[in-house]
C-alpha atoms as a PDB file:
ATOM      1  CA  MET A   1      33.089  28.084  42.890  1.00  0.00           C
ATOM      2  CA  ALA A   2      29.725  27.393  44.538  1.00  0.00           C
ATOM      3  CA  GLU A   3      30.904  29.228  47.634  1.00  0.00           C
ATOM      4  CA  ASP A   4      31.265  32.439  45.599  1.00  0.00           C
ATOM      5  CA  ALA A   5      27.618  32.500  44.470  1.00  0.00           C
ATOM      6  CA  PRO A   6      26.127  33.878  47.725  1.00  0.00           C
ATOM      7  CA  LEU A   7      28.797  36.589  47.796  1.00  0.00           C
ATOM      8  CA  GLN A   8      27.651  37.846  44.402  1.00  0.00           C
ATOM      9  CA  LEU A   9      24.253  38.677  45.888  1.00  0.00           C
ATOM     10  CA  TYR A  10      25.869  41.003  48.372  1.00  0.00           C
ATOM     11  CA  SER A  11      27.566  42.923  45.597  1.00  0.00           C
ATOM     12  CA  LEU A  12      24.220  43.829  43.979  1.00  0.00           C
ATOM     13  CA  SER A  13      22.919  47.313  44.646  1.00  0.00           C
ATOM     14  CA  GLN A  14      19.442  47.889  46.037  1.00  0.00           C
ATOM     15  CA  GLN A  15      18.370  49.098  42.596  1.00  0.00           C
ATOM     16  CA  GLU A  16      19.649  45.918  40.936  1.00  0.00           C
ATOM     17  CA  ILE A  17      17.828  43.755  43.480  1.00  0.00           C
ATOM     18  CA  GLU A  18      14.571  45.655  42.934  1.00  0.00           C
ATOM     19  CA  GLN A  19      15.040  45.258  39.183  1.00  0.00           C
ATOM     20  CA  LEU A  20      15.326  41.492  39.591  1.00  0.00           C
ATOM     21  CA  VAL A  21      12.299  41.315  41.900  1.00  0.00           C
ATOM     22  CA  PHE A  22       9.889  43.827  40.351  1.00  0.00           C
ATOM     23  CA  VAL A  23      10.643  43.968  36.600  1.00  0.00           C
ATOM     24  CA  ASP A  24       9.766  41.342  34.032  1.00  0.00           C
ATOM     25  CA  PRO A  25      12.994  40.585  32.139  1.00  0.00           C
ATOM     26  CA  LEU A  26      11.280  39.872  28.814  1.00  0.00           C
ATOM     27  CA  SER A  27       8.974  42.886  28.515  1.00  0.00           C
ATOM     28  CA  LYS A  28      11.036  45.240  30.711  1.00  0.00           C
ATOM     29  CA  LEU A  29       7.738  46.225  32.356  1.00  0.00           C
ATOM     30  CA  PRO A  30       6.871  46.064  36.035  1.00  0.00           C
ATOM     31  CA  ASN A  31       5.676  42.590  36.939  1.00  0.00           C
ATOM     32  CA  ARG A  32       2.783  41.128  38.922  1.00  0.00           C
ATOM     33  CA  ARG A  33       4.693  41.331  42.213  1.00  0.00           C
ATOM     34  CA  PHE A  34       5.285  45.054  41.659  1.00  0.00           C
ATOM     35  CA  LEU A  35       1.618  45.626  40.890  1.00  0.00           C
ATOM     36  CA  GLU A  36       0.370  43.633  43.884  1.00  0.00           C
ATOM     37  CA  GLN A  37       2.676  45.546  46.217  1.00  0.00           C
ATOM     38  CA  ARG A  38       1.878  48.981  44.772  1.00  0.00           C
ATOM     39  CA  ILE A  39      -1.936  48.712  44.387  1.00  0.00           C
ATOM     40  CA  PRO A  40      -2.689  50.121  47.878  1.00  0.00           C
ATOM     41  CA  GLU A  41      -0.412  53.110  47.260  1.00  0.00           C
ATOM     42  CA  LEU A  42      -1.811  53.669  43.766  1.00  0.00           C
ATOM     43  CA  LEU A  43      -5.370  53.639  45.085  1.00  0.00           C
ATOM     44  CA  SER A  44      -4.605  55.933  48.018  1.00  0.00           C
ATOM     45  CA  THR A  45      -3.041  58.585  45.765  1.00  0.00           C
ATOM     46  CA  LEU A  46      -5.749  58.380  43.124  1.00  0.00           C
ATOM     47  CA  GLU A  47      -7.143  61.718  41.957  1.00  0.00           C
ATOM     48  CA  GLY A  48     -10.170  61.714  39.700  1.00  0.00           C
ATOM     49  CA  ALA A  49     -11.401  58.544  38.100  1.00  0.00           C
ATOM     50  CA  ALA A  50      -9.357  55.543  37.030  1.00  0.00           C
ATOM     51  CA  LEU A  51      -9.828  52.769  34.548  1.00  0.00           C
ATOM     52  CA  PHE A  52      -8.430  49.290  35.216  1.00  0.00           C
ATOM     53  CA  CYS A  53      -7.831  47.256  32.065  1.00  0.00           C
ATOM     54  CA  PHE A  54      -6.914  43.605  31.841  1.00  0.00           C
ATOM     55  CA  ILE A  55      -5.496  42.793  28.418  1.00  0.00           C
ATOM     56  CA  ASP A  56      -4.317  39.575  26.853  1.00  0.00           C
ATOM     57  CA  ILE A  57      -3.135  38.717  23.362  1.00  0.00           C
ATOM     58  CA  ASP A  58      -5.744  36.724  21.456  1.00  0.00           C
ATOM     59  CA  HIS A  59      -4.481  33.395  20.158  1.00  0.00           C
ATOM     60  CA  PHE A  60      -1.091  33.903  21.789  1.00  0.00           C
ATOM     61  CA  LYS A  61      -0.744  30.190  22.465  1.00  0.00           C
ATOM     62  CA  GLN A  62      -0.873  29.506  18.720  1.00  0.00           C
ATOM     63  CA  ALA A  63       1.726  32.187  18.015  1.00  0.00           C
ATOM     64  CA  ASN A  64       3.960  30.866  20.773  1.00  0.00           C
ATOM     65  CA  GLN A  65       3.756  27.336  19.355  1.00  0.00           C
ATOM     66  CA  THR A  66       5.520  28.503  16.199  1.00  0.00           C
ATOM     67  CA  GLY A  67       8.550  28.977  18.426  1.00  0.00           C
ATOM     68  CA  TYR A  68       9.289  30.465  21.808  1.00  0.00           C
ATOM     69  CA  ALA A  69      11.606  33.033  20.251  1.00  0.00           C
ATOM     70  CA  PHE A  70       8.680  34.288  18.155  1.00  0.00           C
ATOM     71  CA  GLY A  71       6.380  34.371  21.212  1.00  0.00           C
ATOM     72  CA  ASP A  72       8.991  36.227  23.252  1.00  0.00           C
ATOM     73  CA  ALA A  73       9.493  38.770  20.469  1.00  0.00           C
ATOM     74  CA  LEU A  74       5.728  39.242  20.173  1.00  0.00           C
ATOM     75  CA  LEU A  75       5.440  39.893  23.924  1.00  0.00           C
ATOM     76  CA  ALA A  76       8.334  42.345  23.865  1.00  0.00           C
ATOM     77  CA  VAL A  77       6.935  44.328  20.904  1.00  0.00           C
ATOM     78  CA  PHE A  78       3.400  44.292  22.325  1.00  0.00           C
ATOM     79  CA  SER A  79       4.706  45.542  25.681  1.00  0.00           C
ATOM     80  CA  GLN A  80       6.562  48.428  24.089  1.00  0.00           C
ATOM     81  CA  ARG A  81       3.544  49.415  21.997  1.00  0.00           C
ATOM     82  CA  LEU A  82       1.352  49.515  25.092  1.00  0.00           C
ATOM     83  CA  LEU A  83       3.972  51.562  26.892  1.00  0.00           C
ATOM     84  CA  SER A  84       4.252  54.013  23.990  1.00  0.00           C
ATOM     85  CA  VAL A  85       0.590  55.082  24.222  1.00  0.00           C
ATOM     86  CA  LEU A  86       0.374  55.548  27.980  1.00  0.00           C
ATOM     87  CA  ARG A  87       0.611  58.829  29.833  1.00  0.00           C
ATOM     88  CA  ALA A  88       3.139  59.523  32.592  1.00  0.00           C
ATOM     89  CA  ASP A  89       0.616  58.844  35.410  1.00  0.00           C
ATOM     90  CA  ASP A  90      -0.672  55.597  33.930  1.00  0.00           C
ATOM     91  CA  VAL A  91       0.573  52.257  35.200  1.00  0.00           C
ATOM     92  CA  ILE A  92       1.299  49.129  33.200  1.00  0.00           C
ATOM     93  CA  ALA A  93       2.455  45.725  34.372  1.00  0.00           C
ATOM     94  CA  ARG A  94       2.907  42.308  32.849  1.00  0.00           C
ATOM     95  CA  PHE A  95       0.612  40.194  34.967  1.00  0.00           C
ATOM     96  CA  GLY A  96       1.829  36.885  33.583  1.00  0.00           C
ATOM     97  CA  GLY A  97       2.050  35.008  30.314  1.00  0.00           C
ATOM     98  CA  ASP A  98       0.317  37.185  27.726  1.00  0.00           C
ATOM     99  CA  GLU A  99      -1.694  39.135  30.333  1.00  0.00           C
ATOM    100  CA  PHE A 100      -1.170  42.799  31.084  1.00  0.00           C
ATOM    101  CA  VAL A 101      -2.785  45.235  33.503  1.00  0.00           C
ATOM    102  CA  LEU A 102      -3.194  48.909  32.675  1.00  0.00           C
ATOM    103  CA  ILE A 103      -4.314  51.487  35.183  1.00  0.00           C
ATOM    104  CA  LEU A 104      -5.279  54.749  33.544  1.00  0.00           C
ATOM    105  CA  ARG A 105      -5.193  57.317  36.334  1.00  0.00           C
ATOM    106  CA  GLY A 106      -6.458  60.858  36.711  1.00  0.00           C
ATOM    107  CA  LEU A 107      -9.330  60.588  34.282  1.00  0.00           C
ATOM    108  CA  ASN A 108     -12.126  63.131  34.203  1.00  0.00           C
ATOM    109  CA  PRO A 109     -15.301  61.264  35.289  1.00  0.00           C
ATOM    110  CA  LYS A 110     -17.447  63.586  33.160  1.00  0.00           C
ATOM    111  CA  SER A 111     -15.654  62.533  29.997  1.00  0.00           C
ATOM    112  CA  LEU A 112     -16.194  58.804  30.606  1.00  0.00           C
END
């Protein structure tokens, strides 16, 4: 049975492999590895101003101590709420734990 495990990796498509490597399974958002790899490209294609936001959930440790299932659900809901208010050109990633990075791209510098 153990001999079959490496063969299963070969049956994964490139898209499935990238999903495993670059997407956080809990939040379904891009992960830190994705962000670190894409930052140079994101900066080189930047038009206008951008705003980098680092967000964490206050008192998440206390919420998570009530039960990991509750903490996981909180992270999943929080992730989807962040995603729901972003524009198509904005970037979001789960940086780790309860930390998220937002990059709001294409902003008008005069309106900031």
